[in-house]
Amino acid sequence: LGFMVDFLSHATIVGFMAGAATVVSLQQLKDLLGLERFTDETDLLDVLRSVFSQIHL
């Protein structure tokens, strides 16, 4: 499927890769921060809500 990249613009490819990297990074927050409960959503607001609801000051 690599030949299909030839038909896409550079901006499209960069945007797709940035989006994929964002989703992967957000899903790794659970292990990085040691959270017990974490959302399965990939929406930024849901992830941040899940992270900040478990902060123990």
Protein backbone atom coordinates (compact mmCIF):
# COMPACT_ATOMS: atom_id res chain seq x y z
CA LEU A 1 0.00 0.00 0.00
CA GLY A 2 3.03 2.25 0.05
CA PHE A 3 2.44 3.30 -3.54
CA MET A 4 -0.71 5.13 -2.41
CA VAL A 5 1.45 7.66 -0.55
CA ASP A 6 2.59 8.97 -3.93
CA PHE A 7 -0.94 10.26 -4.52
CA LEU A 8 -1.24 12.14 -1.21
CA SER A 9 0.15 15.58 -0.47
CA HIS A 10 2.95 16.08 2.02
CA ALA A 11 0.62 18.00 4.35
CA THR A 12 -1.85 15.10 4.38
CA ILE A 13 0.85 12.59 5.28
CA VAL A 14 2.29 14.82 8.02
CA GLY A 15 -1.17 15.43 9.47
CA PHE A 16 -1.99 11.73 9.51
CA MET A 17 1.29 10.85 11.21
CA ALA A 18 0.86 13.62 13.79
CA GLY A 19 -2.65 12.40 14.57
CA ALA A 20 -1.48 8.82 14.94
CA ALA A 21 1.38 9.90 17.21
CA THR A 22 -1.04 11.91 19.36
CA VAL A 23 -3.41 8.96 19.80
CA VAL A 24 -0.57 6.59 20.71
CA SER A 25 0.93 9.11 23.15
CA LEU A 26 -2.39 9.71 24.90
CA GLN A 27 -2.99 5.99 25.31
CA GLN A 28 0.47 5.52 26.84
CA LEU A 29 -0.28 8.02 29.62
CA LYS A 30 -1.88 5.26 31.69
CA ASP A 31 1.35 3.30 31.99
CA LEU A 32 3.55 6.37 32.20
CA LEU A 33 1.61 7.89 35.10
CA GLY A 34 0.65 4.60 36.77
CA LEU A 35 -3.09 5.24 36.62
CA GLU A 36 -5.49 2.52 37.72
CA ARG A 37 -8.59 3.72 35.91
CA PHE A 38 -8.23 5.18 32.47
CA THR A 39 -10.58 5.99 29.64
CA ASP A 40 -10.68 3.96 26.44
CA GLU A 41 -11.60 7.09 24.51
CA THR A 42 -9.09 8.84 22.27
CA ASP A 43 -10.71 12.26 22.64
CA LEU A 44 -8.24 14.70 24.21
CA LEU A 45 -10.76 16.10 26.70
CA ASP A 46 -11.81 12.64 27.92
CA VAL A 47 -8.19 11.63 28.40
CA LEU A 48 -7.30 14.81 30.29
CA ARG A 49 -10.43 14.48 32.45
CA SER A 50 -9.42 10.92 33.30
CA VAL A 51 -5.85 11.94 34.16
CA PHE A 52 -6.76 14.95 36.30
CA SER A 53 -9.52 13.10 38.16
CA GLN A 54 -6.85 10.81 39.63
CA ILE A 55 -4.37 13.43 40.83
CA HIS A 56 -3.50 13.03 44.48
CA LEU A 57 -1.97 16.19 45.88
